[in-house]
C-alpha atoms as a PDB file:
ATOM      1  CA  MET A   1      -7.651  -0.613  -3.085  1.00  0.00           C
ATOM      2  CA  LEU A   2      -5.718  -0.718  -6.303  1.00  0.00           C
ATOM      3  CA  PRO A   3      -2.041  -0.056  -6.908  1.00  0.00           C
ATOM      4  CA  VAL A   4      -1.304   3.514  -7.968  1.00  0.00           C
ATOM      5  CA  TYR A   5       2.479   3.576  -7.523  1.00  0.00           C
ATOM      6  CA  TRP A   6       5.050   0.826  -7.157  1.00  0.00           C
ATOM      7  CA  ASP A   7       8.701   0.054  -7.637  1.00  0.00           C
ATOM      8  CA  ALA A   8      11.141  -2.731  -6.906  1.00  0.00           C
ATOM      9  CA  VAL A   9      14.019  -2.202  -4.473  1.00  0.00           C
ATOM     10  CA  SER A  10      16.816  -4.323  -3.105  1.00  0.00           C
ATOM     11  CA  ALA A  11      15.687  -6.515  -0.234  1.00  0.00           C
ATOM     12  CA  ASN A  12      18.673  -5.476   1.868  1.00  0.00           C
ATOM     13  CA  LYS A  13      17.599  -1.807   2.082  1.00  0.00           C
ATOM     14  CA  ASN A  14      16.358  -0.207   5.288  1.00  0.00           C
ATOM     15  CA  ASP A  15      12.563   0.197   5.449  1.00  0.00           C
ATOM     16  CA  ASN A  16      12.844   3.873   6.441  1.00  0.00           C
ATOM     17  CA  THR A  17      15.096   4.690   3.498  1.00  0.00           C
ATOM     18  CA  ILE A  18      12.833   2.868   1.064  1.00  0.00           C
ATOM     19  CA  PHE A  19       9.665   4.376   2.518  1.00  0.00           C
ATOM     20  CA  ILE A  20      10.936   7.963   2.460  1.00  0.00           C
ATOM     21  CA  SER A  21      12.218   7.811  -1.123  1.00  0.00           C
ATOM     22  CA  THR A  22       9.125   5.946  -2.367  1.00  0.00           C
ATOM     23  CA  ALA A  23       6.734   8.336  -0.578  1.00  0.00           C
ATOM     24  CA  GLU A  24       8.572  11.349  -2.005  1.00  0.00           C
ATOM     25  CA  ASP A  25       8.627   9.874  -5.526  1.00  0.00           C
ATOM     26  CA  TYR A  26       4.928   8.983  -5.407  1.00  0.00           C
ATOM     27  CA  LEU A  27       3.625  12.126  -3.726  1.00  0.00           C
ATOM     28  CA  SER A  28       5.636  14.421  -5.998  1.00  0.00           C
ATOM     29  CA  SER A  29       4.532  12.532  -9.138  1.00  0.00           C
ATOM     30  CA  THR A  30       0.873  13.516  -9.026  1.00  0.00           C
ATOM     31  CA  PRO A  31      -1.148  16.633  -8.218  1.00  0.00           C
ATOM     32  CA  ILE A  32      -3.896  14.388  -6.789  1.00  0.00           C
ATOM     33  CA  LYS A  33      -2.983  13.493  -3.225  1.00  0.00           C
ATOM     34  CA  PRO A  34      -4.527  10.784  -1.084  1.00  0.00           C
ATOM     35  CA  ILE A  35      -5.981  11.713   2.280  1.00  0.00           C
ATOM     36  CA  PHE A  36      -4.043   8.962   4.078  1.00  0.00           C
ATOM     37  CA  LEU A  37      -0.879   6.999   3.450  1.00  0.00           C
ATOM     38  CA  ILE A  38      -0.968   3.684   5.333  1.00  0.00           C
ATOM     39  CA  GLY A  39       2.145   1.742   6.292  1.00  0.00           C
ATOM     40  CA  ASP A  40       3.156  -1.044   8.630  1.00  0.00           C
ATOM     41  CA  ALA A  41       5.687  -0.606  11.435  1.00  0.00           C
ATOM     42  CA  GLY A  42       8.731  -1.129   9.186  1.00  0.00           C
ATOM     43  CA  PRO A  43       9.143   2.562   8.296  1.00  0.00           C
ATOM     44  CA  ASP A  44       8.116   3.797  11.753  1.00  0.00           C
ATOM     45  CA  SER A  45      10.125   6.970  12.404  1.00  0.00           C
ATOM     46  CA  HIS A  46       9.571  10.669  12.878  1.00  0.00           C
ATOM     47  CA  ASP A  47      11.289  11.307   9.527  1.00  0.00           C
ATOM     48  CA  SER A  48       8.885   8.989   7.667  1.00  0.00           C
ATOM     49  CA  ASN A  49       5.863  10.643   9.256  1.00  0.00           C
ATOM     50  CA  LYS A  50       7.218  14.139   8.562  1.00  0.00           C
ATOM     51  CA  VAL A  51       7.801  13.412   4.870  1.00  0.00           C
ATOM     52  CA  VAL A  52       4.174  12.369   4.459  1.00  0.00           C
ATOM     53  CA  ILE A  53       2.894  15.363   6.457  1.00  0.00           C
ATOM     54  CA  ASP A  54       5.021  17.723   4.327  1.00  0.00           C
ATOM     55  CA  TYR A  55       2.970  16.658   1.278  1.00  0.00           C
ATOM     56  CA  GLY A  56      -0.311  17.381   3.075  1.00  0.00           C
ATOM     57  CA  VAL A  57      -1.147  13.711   3.584  1.00  0.00           C
ATOM     58  CA  ILE A  58      -1.994  12.072   6.921  1.00  0.00           C
ATOM     59  CA  PRO A  59       0.415   9.235   7.783  1.00  0.00           C
ATOM     60  CA  ILE A  60      -1.238   6.128   9.226  1.00  0.00           C
ATOM     61  CA  ILE A  61       2.054   4.371   9.935  1.00  0.00           C
ATOM     62  CA  ALA A  62       2.042   1.796  12.683  1.00  0.00           C
ATOM     63  CA  ALA A  63       4.455   2.539  15.519  1.00  0.00           C
ATOM     64  CA  ARG A  64       6.426  -0.125  17.285  1.00  0.00           C
ATOM     65  CA  ALA A  65       5.018  -1.189  20.648  1.00  0.00           C
ATOM     66  CA  SER A  66       8.224   0.038  22.294  1.00  0.00           C
ATOM     67  CA  SER A  67       7.893   3.558  20.838  1.00  0.00           C
ATOM     68  CA  VAL A  68       7.856   6.487  23.237  1.00  0.00           C
ATOM     69  CA  GLY A  69       5.925   9.747  23.099  1.00  0.00           C
ATOM     70  CA  ASN A  70       2.295  10.326  22.240  1.00  0.00           C
ATOM     71  CA  ILE A  71       1.476   6.723  21.251  1.00  0.00           C
ATOM     72  CA  LEU A  72      -2.117   5.767  20.476  1.00  0.00           C
ATOM     73  CA  LYS A  73      -3.208   2.152  20.847  1.00  0.00           C
ATOM     74  CA  THR A  74      -6.190   0.679  18.984  1.00  0.00           C
ATOM     75  CA  ASP A  75      -8.519  -1.972  20.368  1.00  0.00           C
ATOM     76  CA  SER A  76      -6.749  -4.564  18.217  1.00  0.00           C
ATOM     77  CA  GLY A  77      -3.375  -3.637  19.735  1.00  0.00           C
ATOM     78  CA  ASN A  78      -1.849  -1.539  16.939  1.00  0.00           C
ATOM     79  CA  HIS A  79       0.168   1.533  17.928  1.00  0.00           C
ATOM     80  CA  PHE A  80       0.427   4.906  16.162  1.00  0.00           C
ATOM     81  CA  ARG A  81       2.267   8.178  16.733  1.00  0.00           C
ATOM     82  CA  GLY A  82      -0.558  10.490  17.801  1.00  0.00           C
ATOM     83  CA  GLU A  83       1.253  13.745  17.068  1.00  0.00           C
ATOM     84  CA  TYR A  84       0.982  13.134  13.297  1.00  0.00           C
ATOM     85  CA  ILE A  85      -2.677  12.118  13.157  1.00  0.00           C
ATOM     86  CA  PRO A  86      -5.427  14.728  13.606  1.00  0.00           C
ATOM     87  CA  ARG A  87      -7.566  14.053  16.673  1.00  0.00           C
ATOM     88  CA  LYS A  88     -10.747  13.580  14.638  1.00  0.00           C
ATOM     89  CA  TYR A  89      -9.236  10.401  13.116  1.00  0.00           C
ATOM     90  CA  HIS A  90      -8.070   8.828  16.378  1.00  0.00           C
ATOM     91  CA  ARG A  91     -11.269   6.777  16.757  1.00  0.00           C
ATOM     92  CA  LEU A  92     -10.988   5.550  13.157  1.00  0.00           C
ATOM     93  CA  LEU A  93      -7.367   4.388  13.334  1.00  0.00           C
ATOM     94  CA  GLY A  94      -8.220   0.701  13.637  1.00  0.00           C
ATOM     95  CA  LYS A  95     -10.545   0.792  10.634  1.00  0.00           C
ATOM     96  CA  LEU A  96      -8.145   2.856   8.560  1.00  0.00           C
ATOM     97  CA  TYR A  97      -5.220   0.584   9.348  1.00  0.00           C
ATOM     98  CA  ASN A  98      -7.290  -2.489   8.486  1.00  0.00           C
ATOM     99  CA  LEU A  99      -7.448  -1.195   4.900  1.00  0.00           C
ATOM    100  CA  ARG A 100      -3.871  -2.412   4.695  1.00  0.00           C
ATOM    101  CA  THR A 101      -5.156  -5.997   4.748  1.00  0.00           C
ATOM    102  CA  ILE A 102      -6.871  -5.355   1.399  1.00  0.00           C
ATOM    103  CA  VAL A 103      -3.413  -4.792  -0.089  1.00  0.00           C
ATOM    104  CA  GLU A 104      -2.110  -7.955   1.568  1.00  0.00           C
ATOM    105  CA  ARG A 105      -5.041  -9.932   0.145  1.00  0.00           C
ATOM    106  CA  LYS A 106      -4.346  -8.454  -3.303  1.00  0.00           C
ATOM    107  CA  ASN A 107      -0.775  -9.706  -3.083  1.00  0.00           C
ATOM    108  CA  SER A 108      -2.035 -13.166  -2.090  1.00  0.00           C
ATOM    109  CA  ASN A 109      -4.432 -13.146  -5.028  1.00  0.00           C
ATOM    110  CA  GLU A 110      -1.568 -12.338  -7.375  1.00  0.00           C
ATOM    111  CA  VAL A 111       0.439 -15.313  -6.188  1.00  0.00           C
ATOM    112  CA  VAL A 112      -2.534 -17.654  -6.624  1.00  0.00           C
ATOM    113  CA  GLY A 113      -4.501 -16.024  -9.464  1.00  0.00           C
ATOM    114  CA  TYR A 114      -1.658 -14.758 -11.649  1.00  0.00           C
ATOM    115  CA  HIS A 115       0.898 -17.418 -10.635  1.00  0.00           C
ATOM    116  CA  ARG A 116       3.288 -14.612  -9.729  1.00  0.00           C
ATOM    117  CA  SER A 117       5.495 -16.930  -7.674  1.00  0.00           C
ATOM    118  CA  LYS A 118       6.427 -18.800 -10.881  1.00  0.00           C
ATOM    119  CA  ILE A 119       7.836 -15.708 -12.586  1.00  0.00           C
ATOM    120  CA  THR A 120      11.625 -15.759 -12.749  1.00  0.00           C
ATOM    121  CA  ASN A 121      13.308 -12.781 -11.158  1.00  0.00           C
ATOM    122  CA  ARG A 122      16.950 -11.823 -11.694  1.00  0.00           C
ATOM    123  CA  GLY A 123      18.110  -8.230 -11.358  1.00  0.00           C
ATOM    124  CA  ILE A 124      16.299  -4.975 -10.648  1.00  0.00           C
ATOM    125  CA  GLU A 125      14.741  -4.586 -14.126  1.00  0.00           C
ATOM    126  CA  LEU A 126      13.175  -8.043 -14.019  1.00  0.00           C
ATOM    127  CA  ALA A 127      12.065  -7.336 -10.452  1.00  0.00           C
ATOM    128  CA  ARG A 128      10.250  -4.228 -11.699  1.00  0.00           C
ATOM    129  CA  ILE A 129       8.566  -6.290 -14.417  1.00  0.00           C
ATOM    130  CA  PHE A 130       7.809  -8.999 -11.849  1.00  0.00           C
ATOM    131  CA  VAL A 131       5.938  -6.431  -9.726  1.00  0.00           C
ATOM    132  CA  SER A 132       4.466  -4.414 -12.607  1.00  0.00           C
ATOM    133  CA  VAL A 133       2.758  -7.143 -14.626  1.00  0.00           C
ATOM    134  CA  PRO A 134       0.389  -8.254 -11.827  1.00  0.00           C
ATOM    135  CA  ASN A 135      -0.269  -4.626 -10.816  1.00  0.00           C
ATOM    136  CA  ILE A 136      -1.140  -3.659 -14.394  1.00  0.00           C
ATOM    137  CA  THR A 137      -3.316  -6.769 -14.642  1.00  0.00           C
ATOM    138  CA  ALA A 138      -5.101  -5.762 -11.416  1.00  0.00           C
ATOM    139  CA  LEU A 139      -5.779  -2.301 -12.863  1.00  0.00           C
ATOM    140  CA  LEU A 140      -7.051  -3.759 -16.139  1.00  0.00           C
ATOM    141  CA  THR A 141      -9.285  -6.161 -14.205  1.00  0.00           C
ATOM    142  CA  ALA A 142     -10.711  -3.253 -12.204  1.00  0.00           C
ATOM    143  CA  LEU A 143     -11.288  -1.157 -15.326  1.00  0.00           C
ATOM    144  CA  THR A 144     -12.970  -4.075 -17.102  1.00  0.00           C
ATOM    145  CA  ALA A 145     -15.171  -4.835 -14.093  1.00  0.00           C
ATOM    146  CA  PHE A 146     -16.212  -1.187 -13.915  1.00  0.00           C
ATOM    147  CA  LYS A 147     -16.852  -0.986 -17.661  1.00  0.00           C
ATOM    148  CA  VAL A 148     -19.127  -4.054 -17.678  1.00  0.00           C
ATOM    149  CA  GLY A 149     -20.917  -2.914 -14.515  1.00  0.00           C
ATOM    150  CA  ARG A 150     -19.618  -5.716 -12.283  1.00  0.00           C
ATOM    151  CA  HIS A 151     -18.181  -3.671  -9.409  1.00  0.00           C
ATOM    152  CA  ASP A 152     -18.036  -6.845  -7.285  1.00  0.00           C
ATOM    153  CA  LEU A 153     -15.235  -8.133  -9.569  1.00  0.00           C
ATOM    154  CA  ILE A 154     -12.937  -5.115  -9.266  1.00  0.00           C
ATOM    155  CA  ARG A 155     -10.412  -7.007  -7.114  1.00  0.00           C
ATOM    156  CA  ALA A 156     -11.086 -10.520  -8.437  1.00  0.00           C
ATOM    157  CA  PRO A 157      -7.966 -11.867 -10.193  1.00  0.00           C
ATOM    158  CA  SER A 158      -9.811 -14.678 -11.957  1.00  0.00           C
ATOM    159  CA  ALA A 159     -12.875 -12.604 -12.895  1.00  0.00           C
ATOM    160  CA  PHE A 160     -12.258 -12.412 -16.629  1.00  0.00           C
ATOM    161  CA  ARG A 161     -10.260 -15.565 -17.187  1.00  0.00           C
ATOM    162  CA  ARG A 162     -12.941 -17.053 -19.472  1.00  0.00           C
ATOM    163  CA  LEU A 163     -14.091 -13.810 -21.074  1.00  0.00           C
ATOM    164  CA  LEU A 164     -15.238 -14.257 -24.689  1.00  0.00           C
ATOM    165  CA  ILE A 165     -15.072 -11.237 -26.904  1.00  0.00           C
END
């Protein structure tokens, strides 16, 4: 997985508010829609799920364990709101949700590989740069890996550190 849309927001904002506005901004910005939009339990709400559904995308948003209604539980203990996920994907929920860990690993790689934690961050504009530089670098790494035929290096932050041109 590679970043296709990102932004920086204040840390004191509600996850539902951030998720809804970010999902709307992203999904309205491109004619090419993903099949799924995966999210953790932070933005778990009917409104968040409905926004994603309204764009023709299937929301794989974890539900809180205390949620009521048609709640599906995976073998690994994750919960999802079944009314928003077509039945044919119910068996795949665990695997689909595990794709989220690829994003988490990418963020870990940025901290280690790109030394992102050493970047100073003051104000929303610098926060956007703080998030954008590693994401752009990840995209350039993926494009370079593809171009040179090394698909195994698409998500490797240190892959082209010693590249001689």
